[in-house]
Amino acid sequence: MHFDLADLRLFIHIAESPSLTQGARRAHLSPAAASARIKALEGQLDSRLLYRDSRGVELTPAGHKLLQHARLIMRQVDYLKSEFAEYGTDSAGHIRIFANTTAVTEFLPEVLAGFLAERPGVTVDLQERLSRDIVRGVLDGSTDMGIIAGPVQAEGLQVLHFSTDRLLLAVPVGHPLAGEAQVTLRQTLAYQHIGLHEGSTLLTFLRDQVEKLGGQLSLRIQVSSFEAVCRMIEAGVGIGIIPESAARRHSRTMQLALVTLDEPWAVRERSILVRELDALPGSVRALIATLAPDVAAETNVAQPLLPNGG
């Protein structure tokens, strides 16, 4: 069985587009030529890959399976090109990252700023995703690496633990819970919460924990950042559960009371997820070494070069 890389890339374009015509346009082909290539691919696999109707195209079960493999194949081809273009160095390449809310807003911006400043030839696509979508993205090859917090169920992936993330409760100064040494999630449900935007990993996680208690999370307002959450809390609008790093930083400039959460899930391991560390291009391995130097040393990942050879 012979696969043409151009056909696989065409199939990916069509699968990621609402119609065959738009997918063909992305591949710089006419709709007729694209349709003929897909039919030939279906004939070779002896499987129908697309349902076609007036509204567009939809993948069949066989199509979903091919898409997963095609993405992995094309990513490996891109890795190969990147590796040989720069002889395996970390000075060029494109890195795709799926990460949770805390990573995207708290520590990745600073890490990436320094990393990219030293590597003008590297570009990054950073997307905030839910934990299950992060795992799925690394598995199907739609992202190079994932960053999550908490327990990981990721069979077939390498899980690199690199730091600890702690959640705590932030309340206004003088709030009834401000004087408590520690509180449970159930105790906080008597008050209105300040939450992050819909789709954020932290809000989804907290709702799951509340659901396990049989309770309800009362949201007074939802905002787009931890800074905005803290400003609302300082103003007395409500209370909020946020990462300790964000809470400590904003408490230096805002009037907040921080209370320990007495919950087993409040302390969570941060992890980097990859399919196969050794198969990643130099730029991705260098970023992992920047994020997690101790883990990188244990797994023999090349350390990034420091200025002046340091």
C-alpha atoms as a PDB file:
ATOM      1  CA  MET A   1       0.000   0.000   0.000  1.00  0.00           C
ATOM      2  CA  HIS A   2       1.510   3.312  -1.112  1.00  0.00           C
ATOM      3  CA  PHE A   3       0.541   6.674   0.380  1.00  0.00           C
ATOM      4  CA  ASP A   4       1.167   9.954  -1.384  1.00  0.00           C
ATOM      5  CA  LEU A   5       2.066  12.675   1.136  1.00  0.00           C
ATOM      6  CA  ALA A   6       0.283  15.257  -1.001  1.00  0.00           C
ATOM      7  CA  ASP A   7      -2.925  13.202  -0.764  1.00  0.00           C
ATOM      8  CA  LEU A   8      -2.603  12.928   3.014  1.00  0.00           C
ATOM      9  CA  ARG A   9      -2.078  16.671   3.342  1.00  0.00           C
ATOM     10  CA  LEU A  10      -5.079  17.284   1.061  1.00  0.00           C
ATOM     11  CA  PHE A  11      -7.207  14.982   3.198  1.00  0.00           C
ATOM     12  CA  ILE A  12      -6.195  16.914   6.338  1.00  0.00           C
ATOM     13  CA  HIS A  13      -7.111  20.224   4.682  1.00  0.00           C
ATOM     14  CA  ILE A  14     -10.543  18.894   3.685  1.00  0.00           C
ATOM     15  CA  ALA A  15     -11.158  17.312   7.112  1.00  0.00           C
ATOM     16  CA  GLU A  16     -10.369  20.632   8.821  1.00  0.00           C
ATOM     17  CA  SER A  17     -12.551  22.676   6.429  1.00  0.00           C
ATOM     18  CA  PRO A  18     -16.341  22.982   6.296  1.00  0.00           C
ATOM     19  CA  SER A  19     -16.424  21.903   2.645  1.00  0.00           C
ATOM     20  CA  LEU A  20     -14.419  20.043   0.040  1.00  0.00           C
ATOM     21  CA  THR A  21     -14.159  23.243  -2.013  1.00  0.00           C
ATOM     22  CA  GLN A  22     -12.495  25.175   0.815  1.00  0.00           C
ATOM     23  CA  GLY A  23     -10.199  22.245   1.590  1.00  0.00           C
ATOM     24  CA  ALA A  24      -9.206  22.046  -2.062  1.00  0.00           C
ATOM     25  CA  ARG A  25      -8.506  25.788  -2.079  1.00  0.00           C
ATOM     26  CA  ARG A  26      -6.135  25.397   0.876  1.00  0.00           C
ATOM     27  CA  ALA A  27      -4.319  22.679  -1.095  1.00  0.00           C
ATOM     28  CA  HIS A  28      -4.244  24.879  -4.234  1.00  0.00           C
ATOM     29  CA  LEU A  29      -6.329  22.373  -6.223  1.00  0.00           C
ATOM     30  CA  SER A  30      -9.621  22.581  -8.078  1.00  0.00           C
ATOM     31  CA  PRO A  31     -12.589  20.902  -6.352  1.00  0.00           C
ATOM     32  CA  ALA A  32     -12.750  18.332  -9.171  1.00  0.00           C
ATOM     33  CA  ALA A  33      -9.069  17.412  -8.814  1.00  0.00           C
ATOM     34  CA  ALA A  34      -9.378  17.212  -5.018  1.00  0.00           C
ATOM     35  CA  SER A  35     -12.487  15.008  -5.284  1.00  0.00           C
ATOM     36  CA  ALA A  36     -10.695  12.668  -7.686  1.00  0.00           C
ATOM     37  CA  ARG A  37      -7.731  12.339  -5.338  1.00  0.00           C
ATOM     38  CA  ILE A  38      -9.971  11.575  -2.353  1.00  0.00           C
ATOM     39  CA  LYS A  39     -11.882   8.951  -4.358  1.00  0.00           C
ATOM     40  CA  ALA A  40      -8.571   7.358  -5.345  1.00  0.00           C
ATOM     41  CA  LEU A  41      -7.500   7.350  -1.690  1.00  0.00           C
ATOM     42  CA  GLU A  42     -10.799   5.734  -0.690  1.00  0.00           C
ATOM     43  CA  GLY A  43     -10.291   3.119  -3.369  1.00  0.00           C
ATOM     44  CA  GLN A  44      -6.789   2.356  -2.152  1.00  0.00           C
ATOM     45  CA  LEU A  45      -7.995   1.964   1.440  1.00  0.00           C
ATOM     46  CA  ASP A  46     -11.210   0.226   0.384  1.00  0.00           C
ATOM     47  CA  SER A  47     -13.022   2.495   2.847  1.00  0.00           C
ATOM     48  CA  ARG A  48     -15.306   5.489   2.574  1.00  0.00           C
ATOM     49  CA  LEU A  49     -13.638   8.484   4.207  1.00  0.00           C
ATOM     50  CA  LEU A  50     -16.170  11.306   3.772  1.00  0.00           C
ATOM     51  CA  TYR A  51     -19.913  11.789   3.809  1.00  0.00           C
ATOM     52  CA  ARG A  52     -20.756  14.432   1.187  1.00  0.00           C
ATOM     53  CA  ASP A  53     -23.966  16.459   1.027  1.00  0.00           C
ATOM     54  CA  SER A  54     -25.132  19.969   0.176  1.00  0.00           C
ATOM     55  CA  ARG A  55     -23.983  21.288   3.554  1.00  0.00           C
ATOM     56  CA  GLY A  56     -20.393  20.113   3.127  1.00  0.00           C
ATOM     57  CA  VAL A  57     -18.382  17.093   4.206  1.00  0.00           C
ATOM     58  CA  GLU A  58     -18.276  14.992   7.358  1.00  0.00           C
ATOM     59  CA  LEU A  59     -15.736  12.347   8.307  1.00  0.00           C
ATOM     60  CA  THR A  60     -16.772   8.709   8.478  1.00  0.00           C
ATOM     61  CA  PRO A  61     -15.336   6.528  11.274  1.00  0.00           C
ATOM     62  CA  ALA A  62     -12.647   5.402   8.817  1.00  0.00           C
ATOM     63  CA  GLY A  63     -12.014   9.062   7.977  1.00  0.00           C
ATOM     64  CA  HIS A  64     -11.467   9.934  11.639  1.00  0.00           C
ATOM     65  CA  LYS A  65      -8.965   7.106  11.931  1.00  0.00           C
ATOM     66  CA  LEU A  66      -7.088   8.203   8.803  1.00  0.00           C
ATOM     67  CA  LEU A  67      -7.047  11.835  10.016  1.00  0.00           C
ATOM     68  CA  GLN A  68      -5.340  10.782  13.235  1.00  0.00           C
ATOM     69  CA  HIS A  69      -2.625   8.871  11.377  1.00  0.00           C
ATOM     70  CA  ALA A  70      -2.266  11.491   8.637  1.00  0.00           C
ATOM     71  CA  ARG A  71      -1.653  14.255  11.172  1.00  0.00           C
ATOM     72  CA  LEU A  72       1.044  12.201  12.882  1.00  0.00           C
ATOM     73  CA  ILE A  73       2.721  11.370   9.561  1.00  0.00           C
ATOM     74  CA  MET A  74       2.714  14.972   8.385  1.00  0.00           C
ATOM     75  CA  ARG A  75       3.995  16.218  11.736  1.00  0.00           C
ATOM     76  CA  GLN A  76       6.897  13.779  11.483  1.00  0.00           C
ATOM     77  CA  VAL A  77       7.589  15.037   7.956  1.00  0.00           C
ATOM     78  CA  ASP A  78       7.598  18.615   9.280  1.00  0.00           C
ATOM     79  CA  TYR A  79       9.934  17.546  12.093  1.00  0.00           C
ATOM     80  CA  LEU A  80      12.260  15.971   9.548  1.00  0.00           C
ATOM     81  CA  LYS A  81      12.348  19.139   7.454  1.00  0.00           C
ATOM     82  CA  SER A  82      12.921  21.277  10.541  1.00  0.00           C
ATOM     83  CA  GLU A  83      15.674  19.033  11.892  1.00  0.00           C
ATOM     84  CA  PHE A  84      17.659  18.971   8.660  1.00  0.00           C
ATOM     85  CA  ALA A  85      17.017  22.618   7.839  1.00  0.00           C
ATOM     86  CA  GLU A  86      18.918  23.611  10.958  1.00  0.00           C
ATOM     87  CA  TYR A  87      20.911  20.380  11.465  1.00  0.00           C
ATOM     88  CA  GLY A  88      18.982  19.570  14.612  1.00  0.00           C
ATOM     89  CA  THR A  89      19.636  22.859  16.390  1.00  0.00           C
ATOM     90  CA  ASP A  90      17.016  24.732  18.393  1.00  0.00           C
ATOM     91  CA  SER A  91      17.390  28.030  16.508  1.00  0.00           C
ATOM     92  CA  ALA A  92      14.413  27.564  14.159  1.00  0.00           C
ATOM     93  CA  GLY A  93      11.076  25.810  13.983  1.00  0.00           C
ATOM     94  CA  HIS A  94       7.398  26.132  14.847  1.00  0.00           C
ATOM     95  CA  ILE A  95       6.156  24.874  18.236  1.00  0.00           C
ATOM     96  CA  ARG A  96       2.503  24.097  18.961  1.00  0.00           C
ATOM     97  CA  ILE A  97       1.460  24.013  22.618  1.00  0.00           C
ATOM     98  CA  PHE A  98      -1.865  23.138  24.259  1.00  0.00           C
ATOM     99  CA  ALA A  99      -1.890  24.254  27.909  1.00  0.00           C
ATOM    100  CA  ASN A 100      -4.202  24.835  30.848  1.00  0.00           C
ATOM    101  CA  THR A 101      -5.320  28.241  32.122  1.00  0.00           C
ATOM    102  CA  THR A 102      -2.605  28.655  34.743  1.00  0.00           C
ATOM    103  CA  ALA A 103       0.188  27.838  32.318  1.00  0.00           C
ATOM    104  CA  VAL A 104      -1.142  30.183  29.626  1.00  0.00           C
ATOM    105  CA  THR A 105      -1.662  33.131  31.966  1.00  0.00           C
ATOM    106  CA  GLU A 106       0.870  32.672  34.761  1.00  0.00           C
ATOM    107  CA  PHE A 107       4.253  31.270  33.822  1.00  0.00           C
ATOM    108  CA  LEU A 108       4.430  30.535  30.090  1.00  0.00           C
ATOM    109  CA  PRO A 109       4.423  34.196  28.921  1.00  0.00           C
ATOM    110  CA  GLU A 110       7.587  34.942  30.904  1.00  0.00           C
ATOM    111  CA  VAL A 111       9.293  31.683  29.914  1.00  0.00           C
ATOM    112  CA  LEU A 112       8.419  32.107  26.235  1.00  0.00           C
ATOM    113  CA  ALA A 113       9.530  35.749  26.186  1.00  0.00           C
ATOM    114  CA  GLY A 114      13.066  34.806  27.176  1.00  0.00           C
ATOM    115  CA  PHE A 115      13.112  31.653  25.051  1.00  0.00           C
ATOM    116  CA  LEU A 116      11.966  33.405  21.864  1.00  0.00           C
ATOM    117  CA  ALA A 117      14.190  36.446  22.386  1.00  0.00           C
ATOM    118  CA  GLU A 118      17.198  34.120  22.067  1.00  0.00           C
ATOM    119  CA  ARG A 119      15.747  32.303  19.021  1.00  0.00           C
ATOM    120  CA  PRO A 120      14.462  34.704  16.328  1.00  0.00           C
ATOM    121  CA  GLY A 121      13.792  31.760  13.995  1.00  0.00           C
ATOM    122  CA  VAL A 122      11.325  30.021  16.346  1.00  0.00           C
ATOM    123  CA  THR A 123       7.559  30.686  16.297  1.00  0.00           C
ATOM    124  CA  VAL A 124       4.969  29.426  18.784  1.00  0.00           C
ATOM    125  CA  ASP A 125       1.243  28.670  18.607  1.00  0.00           C
ATOM    126  CA  LEU A 126      -0.035  28.629  22.220  1.00  0.00           C
ATOM    127  CA  GLN A 127      -3.651  27.619  22.848  1.00  0.00           C
ATOM    128  CA  GLU A 128      -5.586  27.290  26.103  1.00  0.00           C
ATOM    129  CA  ARG A 129      -7.399  23.952  26.182  1.00  0.00           C
ATOM    130  CA  LEU A 130      -9.196  21.670  28.637  1.00  0.00           C
ATOM    131  CA  SER A 131      -7.126  18.827  30.090  1.00  0.00           C
ATOM    132  CA  ARG A 132      -8.921  16.132  28.084  1.00  0.00           C
ATOM    133  CA  ASP A 133      -8.379  18.131  24.879  1.00  0.00           C
ATOM    134  CA  ILE A 134      -4.703  18.599  25.729  1.00  0.00           C
ATOM    135  CA  VAL A 135      -4.240  14.838  26.086  1.00  0.00           C
ATOM    136  CA  ARG A 136      -6.176  14.173  22.890  1.00  0.00           C
ATOM    137  CA  GLY A 137      -4.194  16.823  21.001  1.00  0.00           C
ATOM    138  CA  VAL A 138      -0.841  15.294  21.933  1.00  0.00           C
ATOM    139  CA  LEU A 139      -2.105  11.805  21.088  1.00  0.00           C
ATOM    140  CA  ASP A 140      -3.425  12.729  17.644  1.00  0.00           C
ATOM    141  CA  GLY A 141      -0.475  14.955  16.762  1.00  0.00           C
ATOM    142  CA  SER A 142      -2.352  18.261  16.571  1.00  0.00           C
ATOM    143  CA  THR A 143       0.062  19.705  19.163  1.00  0.00           C
ATOM    144  CA  ASP A 144       3.739  19.075  19.892  1.00  0.00           C
ATOM    145  CA  MET A 145       3.411  19.236  23.652  1.00  0.00           C
ATOM    146  CA  GLY A 146       0.797  19.728  26.340  1.00  0.00           C
ATOM    147  CA  ILE A 147       0.969  21.286  29.801  1.00  0.00           C
ATOM    148  CA  ILE A 148      -1.592  20.275  32.419  1.00  0.00           C
ATOM    149  CA  ALA A 149      -2.049  20.156  36.193  1.00  0.00           C
ATOM    150  CA  GLY A 150      -3.467  17.332  38.276  1.00  0.00           C
ATOM    151  CA  PRO A 151      -3.769  13.571  37.750  1.00  0.00           C
ATOM    152  CA  VAL A 152      -2.992  12.423  34.221  1.00  0.00           C
ATOM    153  CA  GLN A 153      -4.619   9.528  32.357  1.00  0.00           C
ATOM    154  CA  ALA A 154      -2.539   9.513  29.207  1.00  0.00           C
ATOM    155  CA  GLU A 155      -1.774   6.012  28.028  1.00  0.00           C
ATOM    156  CA  GLY A 156       0.736   6.101  25.192  1.00  0.00           C
ATOM    157  CA  LEU A 157       2.257   9.446  26.229  1.00  0.00           C
ATOM    158  CA  GLN A 158       5.346  10.439  28.163  1.00  0.00           C
ATOM    159  CA  VAL A 159       4.432  12.407  31.292  1.00  0.00           C
ATOM    160  CA  LEU A 160       7.131  14.724  32.646  1.00  0.00           C
ATOM    161  CA  HIS A 161       6.306  16.152  36.092  1.00  0.00           C
ATOM    162  CA  PHE A 162       8.124  19.436  36.593  1.00  0.00           C
ATOM    163  CA  SER A 163       6.499  21.569  39.341  1.00  0.00           C
ATOM    164  CA  THR A 164       3.614  21.870  41.791  1.00  0.00           C
ATOM    165  CA  ASP A 165       0.481  23.980  41.406  1.00  0.00           C
ATOM    166  CA  ARG A 166      -1.531  24.828  44.550  1.00  0.00           C
ATOM    167  CA  LEU A 167      -5.052  26.257  44.550  1.00  0.00           C
ATOM    168  CA  LEU A 168      -6.247  28.449  47.418  1.00  0.00           C
ATOM    169  CA  LEU A 169      -9.160  30.699  48.296  1.00  0.00           C
ATOM    170  CA  ALA A 170      -8.914  34.480  47.935  1.00  0.00           C
ATOM    171  CA  VAL A 171     -11.462  36.611  49.777  1.00  0.00           C
ATOM    172  CA  PRO A 172     -11.857  40.331  50.569  1.00  0.00           C
ATOM    173  CA  VAL A 173     -10.253  41.604  53.752  1.00  0.00           C
ATOM    174  CA  GLY A 174     -12.852  41.348  56.538  1.00  0.00           C
ATOM    175  CA  HIS A 175     -14.790  38.530  54.841  1.00  0.00           C
ATOM    176  CA  PRO A 176     -16.268  35.882  57.215  1.00  0.00           C
ATOM    177  CA  LEU A 177     -13.859  33.272  55.820  1.00  0.00           C
ATOM    178  CA  ALA A 178     -10.803  35.527  56.045  1.00  0.00           C
ATOM    179  CA  GLY A 179     -10.030  34.489  59.608  1.00  0.00           C
ATOM    180  CA  GLU A 180     -10.162  30.742  58.932  1.00  0.00           C
ATOM    181  CA  ALA A 181      -6.913  28.759  58.901  1.00  0.00           C
ATOM    182  CA  GLN A 182      -8.323  26.555  56.149  1.00  0.00           C
ATOM    183  CA  VAL A 183     -11.667  25.925  54.471  1.00  0.00           C
ATOM    184  CA  THR A 184     -13.293  23.211  52.393  1.00  0.00           C
ATOM    185  CA  LEU A 185     -14.851  23.709  48.987  1.00  0.00           C
ATOM    186  CA  ARG A 186     -18.280  23.030  50.496  1.00  0.00           C
ATOM    187  CA  GLN A 187     -17.838  25.964  52.918  1.00  0.00           C
ATOM    188  CA  THR A 188     -17.150  28.331  50.008  1.00  0.00           C
ATOM    189  CA  LEU A 189     -20.371  27.390  48.222  1.00  0.00           C
ATOM    190  CA  ALA A 190     -22.367  29.549  50.630  1.00  0.00           C
ATOM    191  CA  TYR A 191     -20.854  32.597  48.926  1.00  0.00           C
ATOM    192  CA  GLN A 192     -20.850  33.944  45.382  1.00  0.00           C
ATOM    193  CA  HIS A 193     -17.718  33.231  43.398  1.00  0.00           C
ATOM    194  CA  ILE A 194     -15.735  35.187  40.837  1.00  0.00           C
ATOM    195  CA  GLY A 195     -14.915  32.818  37.975  1.00  0.00           C
ATOM    196  CA  LEU A 196     -12.872  32.722  34.810  1.00  0.00           C
ATOM    197  CA  HIS A 197     -14.415  32.702  31.352  1.00  0.00           C
ATOM    198  CA  GLU A 198     -16.358  29.738  29.971  1.00  0.00           C
ATOM    199  CA  GLY A 199     -14.050  27.082  28.577  1.00  0.00           C
ATOM    200  CA  SER A 200     -11.186  27.818  30.976  1.00  0.00           C
ATOM    201  CA  THR A 201      -9.616  24.702  32.464  1.00  0.00           C
ATOM    202  CA  LEU A 202      -9.796  25.969  36.050  1.00  0.00           C
ATOM    203  CA  LEU A 203     -13.509  26.802  35.910  1.00  0.00           C
ATOM    204  CA  THR A 204     -14.272  23.417  34.345  1.00  0.00           C
ATOM    205  CA  PHE A 205     -12.205  21.665  37.014  1.00  0.00           C
ATOM    206  CA  LEU A 206     -13.936  23.505  39.875  1.00  0.00           C
ATOM    207  CA  ARG A 207     -17.382  22.748  38.473  1.00  0.00           C
ATOM    208  CA  ASP A 208     -16.465  19.057  38.347  1.00  0.00           C
ATOM    209  CA  GLN A 209     -15.448  19.140  42.026  1.00  0.00           C
ATOM    210  CA  VAL A 210     -18.643  20.971  43.028  1.00  0.00           C
ATOM    211  CA  GLU A 211     -20.726  18.461  41.088  1.00  0.00           C
ATOM    212  CA  LYS A 212     -19.087  15.613  43.038  1.00  0.00           C
ATOM    213  CA  LEU A 213     -20.267  17.307  46.235  1.00  0.00           C
ATOM    214  CA  GLY A 214     -23.803  17.567  44.891  1.00  0.00           C
ATOM    215  CA  GLY A 215     -23.616  21.340  45.255  1.00  0.00           C
ATOM    216  CA  GLN A 216     -23.852  24.334  42.952  1.00  0.00           C
ATOM    217  CA  LEU A 217     -21.232  26.951  42.125  1.00  0.00           C
ATOM    218  CA  SER A 218     -22.832  30.394  42.259  1.00  0.00           C
ATOM    219  CA  LEU A 219     -20.980  32.699  39.880  1.00  0.00           C
ATOM    220  CA  ARG A 220     -21.445  36.434  40.416  1.00  0.00           C
ATOM    221  CA  ILE A 221     -19.333  37.387  37.403  1.00  0.00           C
ATOM    222  CA  GLN A 222     -16.895  35.757  34.987  1.00  0.00           C
ATOM    223  CA  VAL A 223     -13.747  37.522  33.797  1.00  0.00           C
ATOM    224  CA  SER A 224     -10.827  36.746  31.523  1.00  0.00           C
ATOM    225  CA  SER A 225      -7.777  36.816  33.817  1.00  0.00           C
ATOM    226  CA  PHE A 226      -6.610  36.124  37.367  1.00  0.00           C
ATOM    227  CA  GLU A 227      -5.815  39.821  37.781  1.00  0.00           C
ATOM    228  CA  ALA A 228      -9.447  40.671  37.002  1.00  0.00           C
ATOM    229  CA  VAL A 229     -10.614  37.949  39.428  1.00  0.00           C
ATOM    230  CA  CYS A 230      -8.486  39.476  42.191  1.00  0.00           C
ATOM    231  CA  ARG A 231      -9.705  43.015  41.472  1.00  0.00           C
ATOM    232  CA  MET A 232     -13.300  41.848  41.774  1.00  0.00           C
ATOM    233  CA  ILE A 233     -12.501  40.063  45.044  1.00  0.00           C
ATOM    234  CA  GLU A 234     -10.735  43.144  46.433  1.00  0.00           C
ATOM    235  CA  ALA A 235     -13.820  45.215  45.593  1.00  0.00           C
ATOM    236  CA  GLY A 236     -16.004  42.835  47.608  1.00  0.00           C
ATOM    237  CA  VAL A 237     -17.908  41.422  44.636  1.00  0.00           C
ATOM    238  CA  GLY A 238     -17.262  37.807  45.648  1.00  0.00           C
ATOM    239  CA  ILE A 239     -14.629  35.194  46.476  1.00  0.00           C
ATOM    240  CA  GLY A 240     -12.489  33.058  44.199  1.00  0.00           C
ATOM    241  CA  ILE A 241     -10.359  29.932  43.986  1.00  0.00           C
ATOM    242  CA  ILE A 242      -7.148  30.652  42.085  1.00  0.00           C
ATOM    243  CA  PRO A 243      -3.550  29.377  41.813  1.00  0.00           C
ATOM    244  CA  GLU A 244      -1.284  30.366  44.681  1.00  0.00           C
ATOM    245  CA  SER A 245       1.242  31.986  42.325  1.00  0.00           C
ATOM    246  CA  ALA A 246      -1.390  34.414  41.025  1.00  0.00           C
ATOM    247  CA  ALA A 247      -2.862  35.017  44.474  1.00  0.00           C
ATOM    248  CA  ARG A 248       0.523  35.827  46.076  1.00  0.00           C
ATOM    249  CA  ARG A 249       1.553  38.131  43.250  1.00  0.00           C
ATOM    250  CA  HIS A 250      -1.662  40.160  43.207  1.00  0.00           C
ATOM    251  CA  SER A 251      -1.916  40.276  47.011  1.00  0.00           C
ATOM    252  CA  ARG A 252       1.231  42.441  46.988  1.00  0.00           C
ATOM    253  CA  THR A 253      -0.723  45.252  45.311  1.00  0.00           C
ATOM    254  CA  MET A 254      -4.311  44.435  46.338  1.00  0.00           C
ATOM    255  CA  GLN A 255      -6.134  43.995  49.629  1.00  0.00           C
ATOM    256  CA  LEU A 256      -6.772  40.236  49.655  1.00  0.00           C
ATOM    257  CA  ALA A 257      -6.976  37.568  52.341  1.00  0.00           C
ATOM    258  CA  LEU A 258      -5.657  34.153  51.282  1.00  0.00           C
ATOM    259  CA  VAL A 259      -6.994  30.973  52.878  1.00  0.00           C
ATOM    260  CA  THR A 260      -5.708  27.416  52.480  1.00  0.00           C
ATOM    261  CA  LEU A 261      -8.079  24.969  50.787  1.00  0.00           C
ATOM    262  CA  ASP A 262      -8.484  21.764  52.766  1.00  0.00           C
ATOM    263  CA  GLU A 263      -9.011  19.545  49.730  1.00  0.00           C
ATOM    264  CA  PRO A 264      -6.852  16.680  48.390  1.00  0.00           C
ATOM    265  CA  TRP A 265      -7.031  18.106  44.871  1.00  0.00           C
ATOM    266  CA  ALA A 266      -5.824  21.583  45.898  1.00  0.00           C
ATOM    267  CA  VAL A 267      -2.185  20.541  45.404  1.00  0.00           C
ATOM    268  CA  ARG A 268      -1.627  19.420  41.820  1.00  0.00           C
ATOM    269  CA  GLU A 269       1.440  18.265  39.927  1.00  0.00           C
ATOM    270  CA  ARG A 270       2.202  20.175  36.738  1.00  0.00           C
ATOM    271  CA  SER A 271       3.176  17.933  33.845  1.00  0.00           C
ATOM    272  CA  ILE A 272       4.453  18.225  30.286  1.00  0.00           C
ATOM    273  CA  LEU A 273       2.934  15.679  27.896  1.00  0.00           C
ATOM    274  CA  VAL A 274       4.656  14.473  24.716  1.00  0.00           C
ATOM    275  CA  ARG A 275       4.292  11.452  22.474  1.00  0.00           C
ATOM    276  CA  GLU A 276       7.980  10.664  22.195  1.00  0.00           C
ATOM    277  CA  LEU A 277      10.553  13.049  23.617  1.00  0.00           C
ATOM    278  CA  ASP A 278      13.480  11.871  21.506  1.00  0.00           C
ATOM    279  CA  ALA A 279      11.464  12.268  18.273  1.00  0.00           C
ATOM    280  CA  LEU A 280      10.706  15.963  18.868  1.00  0.00           C
ATOM    281  CA  PRO A 281      12.623  18.642  16.915  1.00  0.00           C
ATOM    282  CA  GLY A 282      15.410  20.573  18.600  1.00  0.00           C
ATOM    283  CA  SER A 283      13.319  23.686  19.268  1.00  0.00           C
ATOM    284  CA  VAL A 284      10.647  21.751  21.185  1.00  0.00           C
ATOM    285  CA  ARG A 285      13.214  19.827  23.218  1.00  0.00           C
ATOM    286  CA  ALA A 286      14.969  23.101  24.043  1.00  0.00           C
ATOM    287  CA  LEU A 287      11.713  24.615  25.312  1.00  0.00           C
ATOM    288  CA  ILE A 288      11.080  21.565  27.490  1.00  0.00           C
ATOM    289  CA  ALA A 289      14.601  21.911  28.886  1.00  0.00           C
ATOM    290  CA  THR A 290      13.873  25.586  29.630  1.00  0.00           C
ATOM    291  CA  LEU A 291      10.600  24.783  31.405  1.00  0.00           C
ATOM    292  CA  ALA A 292      11.891  21.765  33.287  1.00  0.00           C
ATOM    293  CA  PRO A 293      15.707  21.700  33.519  1.00  0.00           C
ATOM    294  CA  ASP A 294      15.730  19.002  36.223  1.00  0.00           C
ATOM    295  CA  VAL A 295      13.440  16.729  34.206  1.00  0.00           C
ATOM    296  CA  ALA A 296      15.455  17.443  31.070  1.00  0.00           C
ATOM    297  CA  ALA A 297      18.654  16.365  32.795  1.00  0.00           C
ATOM    298  CA  GLU A 298      17.077  13.100  33.954  1.00  0.00           C
ATOM    299  CA  THR A 299      15.785  12.309  30.450  1.00  0.00           C
ATOM    300  CA  ASN A 300      18.952  13.428  28.636  1.00  0.00           C
ATOM    301  CA  VAL A 301      17.241  16.330  26.851  1.00  0.00           C
ATOM    302  CA  ALA A 302      19.844  18.757  25.523  1.00  0.00           C
ATOM    303  CA  GLN A 303      20.009  21.841  27.715  1.00  0.00           C
ATOM    304  CA  PRO A 304      19.402  25.176  25.929  1.00  0.00           C
ATOM    305  CA  LEU A 305      22.463  27.262  25.217  1.00  0.00           C
ATOM    306  CA  LEU A 306      22.854  30.211  27.550  1.00  0.00           C
ATOM    307  CA  PRO A 307      24.261  33.598  26.519  1.00  0.00           C
ATOM    308  CA  ASN A 308      28.040  33.847  26.706  1.00  0.00           C
ATOM    309  CA  GLY A 309      28.310  30.100  27.035  1.00  0.00           C
ATOM    310  CA  GLY A 310      26.963  30.153  30.630  1.00  0.00           C
END
